[in-house]
Amino acid sequence: MKKSRKKSSKKPLTLPISRTGLTPTEKKIIHQIKVGCVTQNQIASRLKITKQAVFHHIKNLRKKGVIGKTLTLYNTGSQGSAKKVKGDRYFWRLHGEHFRIWILGHGSKYESSRAKSNLIHVGDATVELYDNSVRVHLGSFFGDTVAEVKRQSYAEFRRICRTMEARLGVYLLKSGKHNIKRYGGEIAHTNDPMAADLNDEDKKLFVPDPIDGKLALKVDRSHGLHEFEAVHPERADIHAEDYLEPFYFDLIKHRPQLLSKQDADIQKLAFFSKEIAAGLASLIKLVSPEIVGEAPDSADSKGREQGSQRPAGRPL
């Protein structure tokens, strides 16, 4: 009889990326994750390779301890400034969004699945299973506009719900029902130059909502990306669409002068104004000294004035 080998309880060693032998393609995949790819399909599309190849490389990267199940980078050290990454562009990122869905109906399949584990992964989403509800935690969505990332999130949420209905034997979506509640959801303008300046200077920016006083806007650094984001728990998408997006579109269209440049120009103007004023004063003294000379004493002036008016007669 063959002796059964006991599985080792030791965790595999994980090494920093710099000490792990990564292939050129694996390095490209790491770069794509850094700049915002959150699914294997996105990576395959950007690198123009097959999904099977991406799956194979992702599997190897997980064995090396570089990434986790949801494409989370491990042991990568500092990812550096987003401005140094080639091919960067400004885009929007929707993240931190999760939903609670009250179950409309389920069978034994759901109970058996929940008995095995109350935490499952559907694509890049994490799902928590409860007695009468499920919680769906979505990943990140990137796009050129706020509306685009919201469309991506909505489409992914519906896909996950349909997948869970087939996989777990639950009934989640029905027209006319109000069994879904949305929580969180922060929308960030990533690779933001103003956020980069504030982060480099280690300065903080927090803007409260004028209605309820909750935090509405802030500057942050996530996954090596400098972000100016709307974080209000109920109105983040409204703040992003009504304030942040129009502000940046206006910047791109009109390219106004930055406040730091305006301040520097004002300082220069003040300096040159003083120099010009001093030069004009010197010039006036040279051309018309009697204009800028001291005013004569009032008594002497009065005496001279009276002397000039004395009538002619016997000399004194």
C-alpha atoms as a PDB file:
ATOM      1  CA  MET A   1       0.000   0.000   0.000  1.00  0.00           C
ATOM      2  CA  LYS A   2       1.153   3.479  -0.813  1.00  0.00           C
ATOM      3  CA  LYS A   3       1.573   5.695   2.158  1.00  0.00           C
ATOM      4  CA  SER A   4      -0.538   8.794   1.934  1.00  0.00           C
ATOM      5  CA  ARG A   5       1.479  11.951   2.171  1.00  0.00           C
ATOM      6  CA  LYS A   6       0.324  14.548   4.593  1.00  0.00           C
ATOM      7  CA  LYS A   7      -0.213  17.960   3.118  1.00  0.00           C
ATOM      8  CA  SER A   8       2.237  20.492   4.406  1.00  0.00           C
ATOM      9  CA  SER A   9       0.727  23.250   6.520  1.00  0.00           C
ATOM     10  CA  LYS A  10       3.509  25.643   5.595  1.00  0.00           C
ATOM     11  CA  LYS A  11       2.509  28.538   3.405  1.00  0.00           C
ATOM     12  CA  PRO A  12       4.430  28.949   0.148  1.00  0.00           C
ATOM     13  CA  LEU A  13       7.129  31.563   0.139  1.00  0.00           C
ATOM     14  CA  THR A  14       6.370  34.767  -1.697  1.00  0.00           C
ATOM     15  CA  LEU A  15       9.161  36.884  -3.077  1.00  0.00           C
ATOM     16  CA  PRO A  16       9.195  40.507  -4.187  1.00  0.00           C
ATOM     17  CA  ILE A  17       8.687  40.993  -7.900  1.00  0.00           C
ATOM     18  CA  SER A  18      12.251  42.216  -8.364  1.00  0.00           C
ATOM     19  CA  ARG A  19      13.554  38.832  -7.085  1.00  0.00           C
ATOM     20  CA  THR A  20      11.020  36.641  -8.829  1.00  0.00           C
ATOM     21  CA  GLY A  21      11.787  35.472 -12.335  1.00  0.00           C
ATOM     22  CA  LEU A  22       8.995  37.073 -14.337  1.00  0.00           C
ATOM     23  CA  THR A  23       8.651  36.585 -18.059  1.00  0.00           C
ATOM     24  CA  PRO A  24       8.209  39.653 -20.314  1.00  0.00           C
ATOM     25  CA  THR A  25       4.506  38.839 -20.749  1.00  0.00           C
ATOM     26  CA  GLU A  26       4.027  38.491 -16.990  1.00  0.00           C
ATOM     27  CA  LYS A  27       5.629  41.900 -16.493  1.00  0.00           C
ATOM     28  CA  LYS A  28       3.232  43.363 -19.064  1.00  0.00           C
ATOM     29  CA  ILE A  29       0.293  41.808 -17.215  1.00  0.00           C
ATOM     30  CA  ILE A  30       1.516  43.338 -13.936  1.00  0.00           C
ATOM     31  CA  HIS A  31       1.739  46.706 -15.681  1.00  0.00           C
ATOM     32  CA  GLN A  32      -1.827  46.394 -17.013  1.00  0.00           C
ATOM     33  CA  ILE A  33      -3.122  45.621 -13.509  1.00  0.00           C
ATOM     34  CA  LYS A  34      -1.294  48.687 -12.190  1.00  0.00           C
ATOM     35  CA  VAL A  35      -2.900  51.003 -14.729  1.00  0.00           C
ATOM     36  CA  GLY A  36      -6.403  49.749 -14.128  1.00  0.00           C
ATOM     37  CA  CYS A  37      -7.220  46.412 -15.793  1.00  0.00           C
ATOM     38  CA  VAL A  38      -9.427  44.481 -13.377  1.00  0.00           C
ATOM     39  CA  THR A  39     -10.451  41.477 -15.491  1.00  0.00           C
ATOM     40  CA  GLN A  40      -8.585  38.911 -17.543  1.00  0.00           C
ATOM     41  CA  ASN A  41     -10.674  39.860 -20.583  1.00  0.00           C
ATOM     42  CA  GLN A  42      -9.426  43.456 -20.368  1.00  0.00           C
ATOM     43  CA  ILE A  43      -5.821  42.273 -20.134  1.00  0.00           C
ATOM     44  CA  ALA A  44      -6.244  39.976 -23.140  1.00  0.00           C
ATOM     45  CA  SER A  45      -7.792  42.803 -25.154  1.00  0.00           C
ATOM     46  CA  ARG A  46      -5.051  45.318 -24.352  1.00  0.00           C
ATOM     47  CA  LEU A  47      -2.143  42.908 -24.852  1.00  0.00           C
ATOM     48  CA  LYS A  48      -3.819  41.340 -27.919  1.00  0.00           C
ATOM     49  CA  ILE A  49      -3.310  37.778 -26.684  1.00  0.00           C
ATOM     50  CA  THR A  50      -5.783  34.954 -26.087  1.00  0.00           C
ATOM     51  CA  LYS A  51      -7.772  34.583 -22.890  1.00  0.00           C
ATOM     52  CA  GLN A  52      -6.230  31.133 -22.423  1.00  0.00           C
ATOM     53  CA  ALA A  53      -2.747  32.671 -22.474  1.00  0.00           C
ATOM     54  CA  VAL A  54      -3.762  35.293 -19.921  1.00  0.00           C
ATOM     55  CA  PHE A  55      -5.256  32.574 -17.707  1.00  0.00           C
ATOM     56  CA  HIS A  56      -2.006  30.585 -17.901  1.00  0.00           C
ATOM     57  CA  HIS A  57       0.153  33.603 -16.967  1.00  0.00           C
ATOM     58  CA  ILE A  58      -2.221  34.648 -14.162  1.00  0.00           C
ATOM     59  CA  LYS A  59      -2.009  31.123 -12.750  1.00  0.00           C
ATOM     60  CA  ASN A  60       1.792  31.305 -12.733  1.00  0.00           C
ATOM     61  CA  LEU A  61       1.743  34.741 -11.101  1.00  0.00           C
ATOM     62  CA  ARG A  62      -0.497  33.406  -8.342  1.00  0.00           C
ATOM     63  CA  LYS A  63       1.914  30.521  -7.751  1.00  0.00           C
ATOM     64  CA  LYS A  64       4.720  33.051  -7.409  1.00  0.00           C
ATOM     65  CA  GLY A  65       2.708  34.965  -4.836  1.00  0.00           C
ATOM     66  CA  VAL A  66       2.509  38.111  -6.940  1.00  0.00           C
ATOM     67  CA  ILE A  67      -1.266  38.487  -7.269  1.00  0.00           C
ATOM     68  CA  GLY A  68      -4.388  37.234  -5.499  1.00  0.00           C
ATOM     69  CA  LYS A  69      -7.678  35.769  -6.673  1.00  0.00           C
ATOM     70  CA  THR A  70      -9.138  39.144  -7.671  1.00  0.00           C
ATOM     71  CA  LEU A  71      -6.011  40.416  -9.456  1.00  0.00           C
ATOM     72  CA  THR A  72      -4.772  42.161  -6.304  1.00  0.00           C
ATOM     73  CA  LEU A  73      -1.055  42.862  -6.445  1.00  0.00           C
ATOM     74  CA  TYR A  74       1.119  41.447  -3.672  1.00  0.00           C
ATOM     75  CA  ASN A  75       4.750  42.223  -2.797  1.00  0.00           C
ATOM     76  CA  THR A  76       5.074  44.808  -5.519  1.00  0.00           C
ATOM     77  CA  GLY A  77       6.526  47.506  -3.306  1.00  0.00           C
ATOM     78  CA  SER A  78       5.978  51.110  -4.289  1.00  0.00           C
ATOM     79  CA  GLN A  79       4.186  51.382  -7.601  1.00  0.00           C
ATOM     80  CA  GLY A  80       5.533  54.866  -8.142  1.00  0.00           C
ATOM     81  CA  SER A  81       3.813  57.908  -9.520  1.00  0.00           C
ATOM     82  CA  ALA A  82       1.122  57.405 -12.123  1.00  0.00           C
ATOM     83  CA  LYS A  83       2.683  60.202 -14.181  1.00  0.00           C
ATOM     84  CA  LYS A  84       5.739  58.008 -14.854  1.00  0.00           C
ATOM     85  CA  VAL A  85       3.736  55.164 -16.409  1.00  0.00           C
ATOM     86  CA  LYS A  86       3.908  55.267 -20.195  1.00  0.00           C
ATOM     87  CA  GLY A  87       0.657  55.580 -22.073  1.00  0.00           C
ATOM     88  CA  ASP A  88      -1.250  57.068 -19.158  1.00  0.00           C
ATOM     89  CA  ARG A  89      -4.390  59.034 -19.825  1.00  0.00           C
ATOM     90  CA  TYR A  90      -6.942  60.606 -17.568  1.00  0.00           C
ATOM     91  CA  PHE A  91      -9.944  58.416 -16.903  1.00  0.00           C
ATOM     92  CA  TRP A  92     -12.645  57.740 -14.318  1.00  0.00           C
ATOM     93  CA  ARG A  93     -12.733  54.833 -11.878  1.00  0.00           C
ATOM     94  CA  LEU A  94     -15.849  53.576 -10.085  1.00  0.00           C
ATOM     95  CA  HIS A  95     -15.010  51.341  -7.119  1.00  0.00           C
ATOM     96  CA  GLY A  96     -16.139  50.313  -3.649  1.00  0.00           C
ATOM     97  CA  GLU A  97     -19.675  49.631  -4.844  1.00  0.00           C
ATOM     98  CA  HIS A  98     -21.737  46.882  -3.208  1.00  0.00           C
ATOM     99  CA  PHE A  99     -25.373  45.789  -3.165  1.00  0.00           C
ATOM    100  CA  ARG A 100     -27.668  43.935  -0.810  1.00  0.00           C
ATOM    101  CA  ILE A 101     -30.263  41.794  -2.587  1.00  0.00           C
ATOM    102  CA  TRP A 102     -33.150  40.239  -0.695  1.00  0.00           C
ATOM    103  CA  ILE A 103     -33.791  36.763  -2.094  1.00  0.00           C
ATOM    104  CA  LEU A 104     -37.200  36.341  -3.728  1.00  0.00           C
ATOM    105  CA  GLY A 105     -36.978  32.568  -3.611  1.00  0.00           C
ATOM    106  CA  HIS A 106     -34.479  29.698  -3.438  1.00  0.00           C
ATOM    107  CA  GLY A 107     -34.242  25.919  -3.256  1.00  0.00           C
ATOM    108  CA  SER A 108     -32.014  23.296  -1.682  1.00  0.00           C
ATOM    109  CA  LYS A 109     -29.174  24.132  -4.056  1.00  0.00           C
ATOM    110  CA  TYR A 110     -28.669  27.484  -2.364  1.00  0.00           C
ATOM    111  CA  GLU A 111     -28.688  25.939   1.110  1.00  0.00           C
ATOM    112  CA  SER A 112     -26.146  23.293   0.152  1.00  0.00           C
ATOM    113  CA  SER A 113     -23.884  25.903  -1.454  1.00  0.00           C
ATOM    114  CA  ARG A 114     -24.144  28.113   1.607  1.00  0.00           C
ATOM    115  CA  ALA A 115     -23.379  25.161   3.890  1.00  0.00           C
ATOM    116  CA  LYS A 116     -20.056  24.693   2.089  1.00  0.00           C
ATOM    117  CA  SER A 117     -19.109  28.375   2.202  1.00  0.00           C
ATOM    118  CA  ASN A 118     -20.928  31.633   2.747  1.00  0.00           C
ATOM    119  CA  LEU A 119     -18.388  33.504   0.616  1.00  0.00           C
ATOM    120  CA  ILE A 120     -18.046  32.893  -3.126  1.00  0.00           C
ATOM    121  CA  HIS A 121     -16.495  34.640  -6.120  1.00  0.00           C
ATOM    122  CA  VAL A 122     -18.447  35.346  -9.283  1.00  0.00           C
ATOM    123  CA  GLY A 123     -16.020  36.726 -11.831  1.00  0.00           C
ATOM    124  CA  ASP A 124     -14.195  39.563 -10.085  1.00  0.00           C
ATOM    125  CA  ALA A 125     -17.038  40.139  -7.617  1.00  0.00           C
ATOM    126  CA  THR A 126     -17.189  38.817  -4.063  1.00  0.00           C
ATOM    127  CA  VAL A 127     -20.571  37.543  -2.870  1.00  0.00           C
ATOM    128  CA  GLU A 128     -21.646  36.962   0.741  1.00  0.00           C
ATOM    129  CA  LEU A 129     -24.490  34.481   1.277  1.00  0.00           C
ATOM    130  CA  TYR A 130     -27.054  34.961   4.064  1.00  0.00           C
ATOM    131  CA  ASP A 131     -30.366  33.352   5.042  1.00  0.00           C
ATOM    132  CA  ASN A 132     -32.637  35.702   3.124  1.00  0.00           C
ATOM    133  CA  SER A 133     -30.233  37.947   1.218  1.00  0.00           C
ATOM    134  CA  VAL A 134     -26.893  38.180  -0.576  1.00  0.00           C
ATOM    135  CA  ARG A 135     -24.302  40.974  -0.653  1.00  0.00           C
ATOM    136  CA  VAL A 136     -22.448  41.619  -3.882  1.00  0.00           C
ATOM    137  CA  HIS A 137     -19.151  43.535  -3.764  1.00  0.00           C
ATOM    138  CA  LEU A 138     -18.110  44.722  -7.227  1.00  0.00           C
ATOM    139  CA  GLY A 139     -14.613  45.518  -8.437  1.00  0.00           C
ATOM    140  CA  SER A 140     -13.392  48.614 -10.263  1.00  0.00           C
ATOM    141  CA  PHE A 141     -14.665  49.997 -13.569  1.00  0.00           C
ATOM    142  CA  PHE A 142     -12.714  52.372 -15.806  1.00  0.00           C
ATOM    143  CA  GLY A 143     -13.944  54.675 -18.557  1.00  0.00           C
ATOM    144  CA  ASP A 144     -13.552  58.041 -20.254  1.00  0.00           C
ATOM    145  CA  THR A 145     -16.736  59.435 -18.664  1.00  0.00           C
ATOM    146  CA  VAL A 146     -18.694  58.986 -15.451  1.00  0.00           C
ATOM    147  CA  ALA A 147     -21.674  57.691 -17.433  1.00  0.00           C
ATOM    148  CA  GLU A 148     -19.501  55.013 -19.048  1.00  0.00           C
ATOM    149  CA  VAL A 149     -18.263  53.548 -15.752  1.00  0.00           C
ATOM    150  CA  LYS A 150     -21.817  53.557 -14.394  1.00  0.00           C
ATOM    151  CA  ARG A 151     -23.022  51.642 -17.461  1.00  0.00           C
ATOM    152  CA  GLN A 152     -20.239  49.092 -16.991  1.00  0.00           C
ATOM    153  CA  SER A 153     -21.152  48.649 -13.332  1.00  0.00           C
ATOM    154  CA  TYR A 154     -24.843  48.173 -14.112  1.00  0.00           C
ATOM    155  CA  ALA A 155     -24.145  45.617 -16.849  1.00  0.00           C
ATOM    156  CA  GLU A 156     -21.732  43.680 -14.630  1.00  0.00           C
ATOM    157  CA  PHE A 157     -24.180  43.689 -11.719  1.00  0.00           C
ATOM    158  CA  ARG A 158     -26.968  42.213 -13.858  1.00  0.00           C
ATOM    159  CA  ARG A 159     -24.585  39.600 -15.279  1.00  0.00           C
ATOM    160  CA  ILE A 160     -23.523  38.559 -11.768  1.00  0.00           C
ATOM    161  CA  CYS A 161     -27.141  38.293 -10.627  1.00  0.00           C
ATOM    162  CA  ARG A 162     -28.051  36.073 -13.586  1.00  0.00           C
ATOM    163  CA  THR A 163     -24.971  33.926 -12.949  1.00  0.00           C
ATOM    164  CA  MET A 164     -25.909  33.493  -9.277  1.00  0.00           C
ATOM    165  CA  GLU A 165     -29.488  32.586 -10.195  1.00  0.00           C
ATOM    166  CA  ALA A 166     -28.223  29.774 -12.417  1.00  0.00           C
ATOM    167  CA  ARG A 167     -25.367  28.709 -10.161  1.00  0.00           C
ATOM    168  CA  LEU A 168     -27.109  28.844  -6.767  1.00  0.00           C
ATOM    169  CA  GLY A 169     -30.722  28.256  -7.707  1.00  0.00           C
ATOM    170  CA  VAL A 170     -31.942  31.577  -6.306  1.00  0.00           C
ATOM    171  CA  TYR A 171     -34.463  34.105  -7.578  1.00  0.00           C
ATOM    172  CA  LEU A 172     -33.054  37.652  -7.382  1.00  0.00           C
ATOM    173  CA  LEU A 173     -34.309  39.915 -10.169  1.00  0.00           C
ATOM    174  CA  LYS A 174     -37.930  40.687 -10.961  1.00  0.00           C
ATOM    175  CA  SER A 175     -39.477  43.751 -12.554  1.00  0.00           C
ATOM    176  CA  GLY A 176     -41.449  45.880 -10.117  1.00  0.00           C
ATOM    177  CA  LYS A 177     -39.740  44.507  -7.012  1.00  0.00           C
ATOM    178  CA  HIS A 178     -37.763  46.740  -4.644  1.00  0.00           C
ATOM    179  CA  ASN A 179     -35.465  44.121  -3.170  1.00  0.00           C
ATOM    180  CA  ILE A 180     -32.095  45.705  -4.053  1.00  0.00           C
ATOM    181  CA  LYS A 181     -30.250  48.351  -2.063  1.00  0.00           C
ATOM    182  CA  ARG A 182     -27.038  49.997  -3.225  1.00  0.00           C
ATOM    183  CA  TYR A 183     -24.246  51.026  -0.861  1.00  0.00           C
ATOM    184  CA  GLY A 184     -21.088  53.040  -1.362  1.00  0.00           C
ATOM    185  CA  GLY A 185     -19.557  53.553  -4.739  1.00  0.00           C
ATOM    186  CA  GLU A 186     -16.761  56.116  -5.081  1.00  0.00           C
ATOM    187  CA  ILE A 187     -15.972  57.770  -8.411  1.00  0.00           C
ATOM    188  CA  ALA A 188     -12.415  58.988  -8.901  1.00  0.00           C
ATOM    189  CA  HIS A 189     -10.670  61.040 -11.571  1.00  0.00           C
ATOM    190  CA  THR A 190      -7.447  59.040 -11.810  1.00  0.00           C
ATOM    191  CA  ASN A 191      -3.954  60.118 -12.872  1.00  0.00           C
ATOM    192  CA  ASP A 192      -5.091  63.561 -11.755  1.00  0.00           C
ATOM    193  CA  PRO A 193      -2.314  66.213 -12.022  1.00  0.00           C
ATOM    194  CA  MET A 194      -3.669  68.342  -9.172  1.00  0.00           C
ATOM    195  CA  ALA A 195      -3.990  65.293  -6.933  1.00  0.00           C
ATOM    196  CA  ALA A 196      -0.443  64.303  -7.889  1.00  0.00           C
ATOM    197  CA  ASP A 197       0.894  67.707  -6.821  1.00  0.00           C
ATOM    198  CA  LEU A 198      -0.926  67.510  -3.479  1.00  0.00           C
ATOM    199  CA  ASN A 199       0.194  63.927  -2.862  1.00  0.00           C
ATOM    200  CA  ASP A 200       3.806  64.756  -3.722  1.00  0.00           C
ATOM    201  CA  GLU A 201       3.700  67.620  -1.213  1.00  0.00           C
ATOM    202  CA  ASP A 202       1.933  65.366   1.324  1.00  0.00           C
ATOM    203  CA  LYS A 203      -1.023  67.751   1.542  1.00  0.00           C
ATOM    204  CA  LYS A 204      -4.604  66.693   2.245  1.00  0.00           C
ATOM    205  CA  LEU A 205      -7.806  67.952   0.662  1.00  0.00           C
ATOM    206  CA  PHE A 206     -11.233  67.204   2.150  1.00  0.00           C
ATOM    207  CA  VAL A 207     -14.428  68.902   0.955  1.00  0.00           C
ATOM    208  CA  PRO A 208     -17.646  68.370   2.995  1.00  0.00           C
ATOM    209  CA  ASP A 209     -21.104  68.215   1.477  1.00  0.00           C
ATOM    210  CA  PRO A 210     -22.940  71.543   2.074  1.00  0.00           C
ATOM    211  CA  ILE A 211     -26.222  69.726   2.786  1.00  0.00           C
ATOM    212  CA  ASP A 212     -25.339  67.140   5.442  1.00  0.00           C
ATOM    213  CA  GLY A 213     -21.676  67.883   6.173  1.00  0.00           C
ATOM    214  CA  LYS A 214     -20.499  64.390   5.169  1.00  0.00           C
ATOM    215  CA  LEU A 215     -17.241  64.006   3.281  1.00  0.00           C
ATOM    216  CA  ALA A 216     -17.942  64.651  -0.404  1.00  0.00           C
ATOM    217  CA  LEU A 217     -14.603  65.103  -2.205  1.00  0.00           C
ATOM    218  CA  LYS A 218     -11.042  64.174  -1.331  1.00  0.00           C
ATOM    219  CA  VAL A 219      -7.601  63.596  -2.827  1.00  0.00           C
ATOM    220  CA  ASP A 220      -6.260  60.051  -2.530  1.00  0.00           C
ATOM    221  CA  ARG A 221      -3.614  57.692  -3.867  1.00  0.00           C
ATOM    222  CA  SER A 222      -4.861  54.190  -4.726  1.00  0.00           C
ATOM    223  CA  HIS A 223      -2.958  51.443  -6.577  1.00  0.00           C
ATOM    224  CA  GLY A 224      -0.267  53.999  -7.398  1.00  0.00           C
ATOM    225  CA  LEU A 225      -2.817  56.282  -9.079  1.00  0.00           C
ATOM    226  CA  HIS A 226      -3.298  59.875  -7.957  1.00  0.00           C
ATOM    227  CA  GLU A 227      -7.048  60.381  -7.617  1.00  0.00           C
ATOM    228  CA  PHE A 228      -9.448  63.251  -7.005  1.00  0.00           C
ATOM    229  CA  GLU A 229     -12.597  61.397  -6.003  1.00  0.00           C
ATOM    230  CA  ALA A 230     -16.214  61.831  -4.988  1.00  0.00           C
ATOM    231  CA  VAL A 231     -16.853  59.704  -1.900  1.00  0.00           C
ATOM    232  CA  HIS A 232     -20.233  60.749  -0.489  1.00  0.00           C
ATOM    233  CA  PRO A 233     -22.121  57.571   0.568  1.00  0.00           C
ATOM    234  CA  GLU A 234     -25.377  58.640  -1.139  1.00  0.00           C
ATOM    235  CA  ARG A 235     -24.463  61.286  -3.728  1.00  0.00           C
ATOM    236  CA  ALA A 236     -20.989  60.406  -5.014  1.00  0.00           C
ATOM    237  CA  ASP A 237     -22.227  59.867  -8.582  1.00  0.00           C
ATOM    238  CA  ILE A 238     -24.134  63.178  -8.496  1.00  0.00           C
ATOM    239  CA  HIS A 239     -21.076  65.068  -7.259  1.00  0.00           C
ATOM    240  CA  ALA A 240     -18.914  63.416  -9.911  1.00  0.00           C
ATOM    241  CA  GLU A 241     -21.326  64.186 -12.756  1.00  0.00           C
ATOM    242  CA  ASP A 242     -22.401  67.678 -11.641  1.00  0.00           C
ATOM    243  CA  TYR A 243     -19.109  69.042 -10.292  1.00  0.00           C
ATOM    244  CA  LEU A 244     -15.977  67.024 -11.055  1.00  0.00           C
ATOM    245  CA  GLU A 245     -16.675  66.040 -14.666  1.00  0.00           C
ATOM    246  CA  PRO A 246     -17.809  69.520 -15.871  1.00  0.00           C
ATOM    247  CA  PHE A 247     -14.808  71.038 -14.088  1.00  0.00           C
ATOM    248  CA  TYR A 248     -12.328  68.804 -15.932  1.00  0.00           C
ATOM    249  CA  PHE A 249     -14.097  69.135 -19.273  1.00  0.00           C
ATOM    250  CA  ASP A 250     -13.850  72.914 -18.859  1.00  0.00           C
ATOM    251  CA  LEU A 251     -10.146  72.617 -18.058  1.00  0.00           C
ATOM    252  CA  ILE A 252      -9.528  70.519 -21.163  1.00  0.00           C
ATOM    253  CA  LYS A 253     -11.559  72.849 -23.404  1.00  0.00           C
ATOM    254  CA  HIS A 254     -10.254  76.229 -22.228  1.00  0.00           C
ATOM    255  CA  ARG A 255      -6.947  75.313 -20.578  1.00  0.00           C
ATOM    256  CA  PRO A 256      -7.034  78.112 -18.001  1.00  0.00           C
ATOM    257  CA  GLN A 257      -3.906  79.176 -16.182  1.00  0.00           C
ATOM    258  CA  LEU A 258      -3.172  77.167 -13.047  1.00  0.00           C
ATOM    259  CA  LEU A 259      -3.467  78.918  -9.691  1.00  0.00           C
ATOM    260  CA  SER A 260       0.194  78.275  -8.906  1.00  0.00           C
ATOM    261  CA  LYS A 261       1.186  79.950 -12.197  1.00  0.00           C
ATOM    262  CA  GLN A 262      -1.155  82.866 -11.491  1.00  0.00           C
ATOM    263  CA  ASP A 263       0.389  83.347  -8.041  1.00  0.00           C
ATOM    264  CA  ALA A 264       3.907  83.339  -9.492  1.00  0.00           C
ATOM    265  CA  ASP A 265       2.889  85.883 -12.141  1.00  0.00           C
ATOM    266  CA  ILE A 266       1.326  88.128  -9.483  1.00  0.00           C
ATOM    267  CA  GLN A 267       4.550  88.048  -7.460  1.00  0.00           C
ATOM    268  CA  LYS A 268       6.575  88.983 -10.537  1.00  0.00           C
ATOM    269  CA  LEU A 269       4.143  91.777 -11.411  1.00  0.00           C
ATOM    270  CA  ALA A 270       4.371  93.209  -7.889  1.00  0.00           C
ATOM    271  CA  PHE A 271       8.182  93.178  -8.042  1.00  0.00           C
ATOM    272  CA  PHE A 272       8.359  94.870 -11.443  1.00  0.00           C
ATOM    273  CA  SER A 273       5.703  97.410 -10.401  1.00  0.00           C
ATOM    274  CA  LYS A 274       7.942  98.561  -7.537  1.00  0.00           C
ATOM    275  CA  GLU A 275      10.946  98.787  -9.840  1.00  0.00           C
ATOM    276  CA  ILE A 276       8.986 100.757 -12.427  1.00  0.00           C
ATOM    277  CA  ALA A 277       7.620 103.154  -9.790  1.00  0.00           C
ATOM    278  CA  ALA A 278      11.130 103.832  -8.441  1.00  0.00           C
ATOM    279  CA  GLY A 279      12.462 104.398 -11.956  1.00  0.00           C
ATOM    280  CA  LEU A 280       9.678 106.858 -12.803  1.00  0.00           C
ATOM    281  CA  ALA A 281      10.330 108.830  -9.608  1.00  0.00           C
ATOM    282  CA  SER A 282      14.032 109.144 -10.469  1.00  0.00           C
ATOM    283  CA  LEU A 283      13.210 110.222 -13.999  1.00  0.00           C
ATOM    284  CA  ILE A 284      10.807 112.933 -12.813  1.00  0.00           C
ATOM    285  CA  LYS A 285      13.462 114.355 -10.454  1.00  0.00           C
ATOM    286  CA  LEU A 286      15.949 114.624 -13.302  1.00  0.00           C
ATOM    287  CA  VAL A 287      13.559 116.282 -15.731  1.00  0.00           C
ATOM    288  CA  SER A 288      11.646 118.642 -13.399  1.00  0.00           C
ATOM    289  CA  PRO A 289      13.450 119.051 -10.054  1.00  0.00           C
ATOM    290  CA  GLU A 290      11.248 122.014  -9.033  1.00  0.00           C
ATOM    291  CA  ILE A 291       8.186 119.780  -9.239  1.00  0.00           C
ATOM    292  CA  VAL A 292       9.506 117.194  -6.863  1.00  0.00           C
ATOM    293  CA  GLY A 293      11.563 119.595  -4.661  1.00  0.00           C
ATOM    294  CA  GLU A 294      10.547 120.553  -1.149  1.00  0.00           C
ATOM    295  CA  ALA A 295       7.789 123.117  -0.816  1.00  0.00           C
ATOM    296  CA  PRO A 296       9.080 126.578   0.347  1.00  0.00           C
ATOM    297  CA  ASP A 297       8.461 127.666   3.930  1.00  0.00           C
ATOM    298  CA  SER A 298       5.133 129.453   4.236  1.00  0.00           C
ATOM    299  CA  ALA A 299       6.579 132.503   6.146  1.00  0.00           C
ATOM    300  CA  ASP A 300       9.391 133.087   3.660  1.00  0.00           C
ATOM    301  CA  SER A 301       6.998 132.698   0.826  1.00  0.00           C
ATOM    302  CA  LYS A 302       4.648 135.276   2.350  1.00  0.00           C
ATOM    303  CA  GLY A 303       7.507 137.780   2.901  1.00  0.00           C
ATOM    304  CA  ARG A 304       8.729 137.467  -0.633  1.00  0.00           C
ATOM    305  CA  GLU A 305       5.204 137.890  -1.862  1.00  0.00           C
ATOM    306  CA  GLN A 306       4.756 141.117   0.202  1.00  0.00           C
ATOM    307  CA  GLY A 307       8.143 142.459  -0.967  1.00  0.00           C
ATOM    308  CA  SER A 308       7.213 142.066  -4.526  1.00  0.00           C
ATOM    309  CA  GLN A 309       4.069 144.142  -3.914  1.00  0.00           C
ATOM    310  CA  ARG A 310       5.834 147.155  -2.044  1.00  0.00           C
ATOM    311  CA  PRO A 311       5.141 150.518  -3.729  1.00  0.00           C
ATOM    312  CA  ALA A 312       8.010 152.530  -5.228  1.00  0.00           C
ATOM    313  CA  GLY A 313       9.373 155.422  -3.083  1.00  0.00           C
ATOM    314  CA  ARG A 314      12.293 156.656  -0.990  1.00  0.00           C
ATOM    315  CA  PRO A 315      14.920 153.944  -0.660  1.00  0.00           C
ATOM    316  CA  LEU A 316      15.325 152.442   2.796  1.00  0.00           C
END
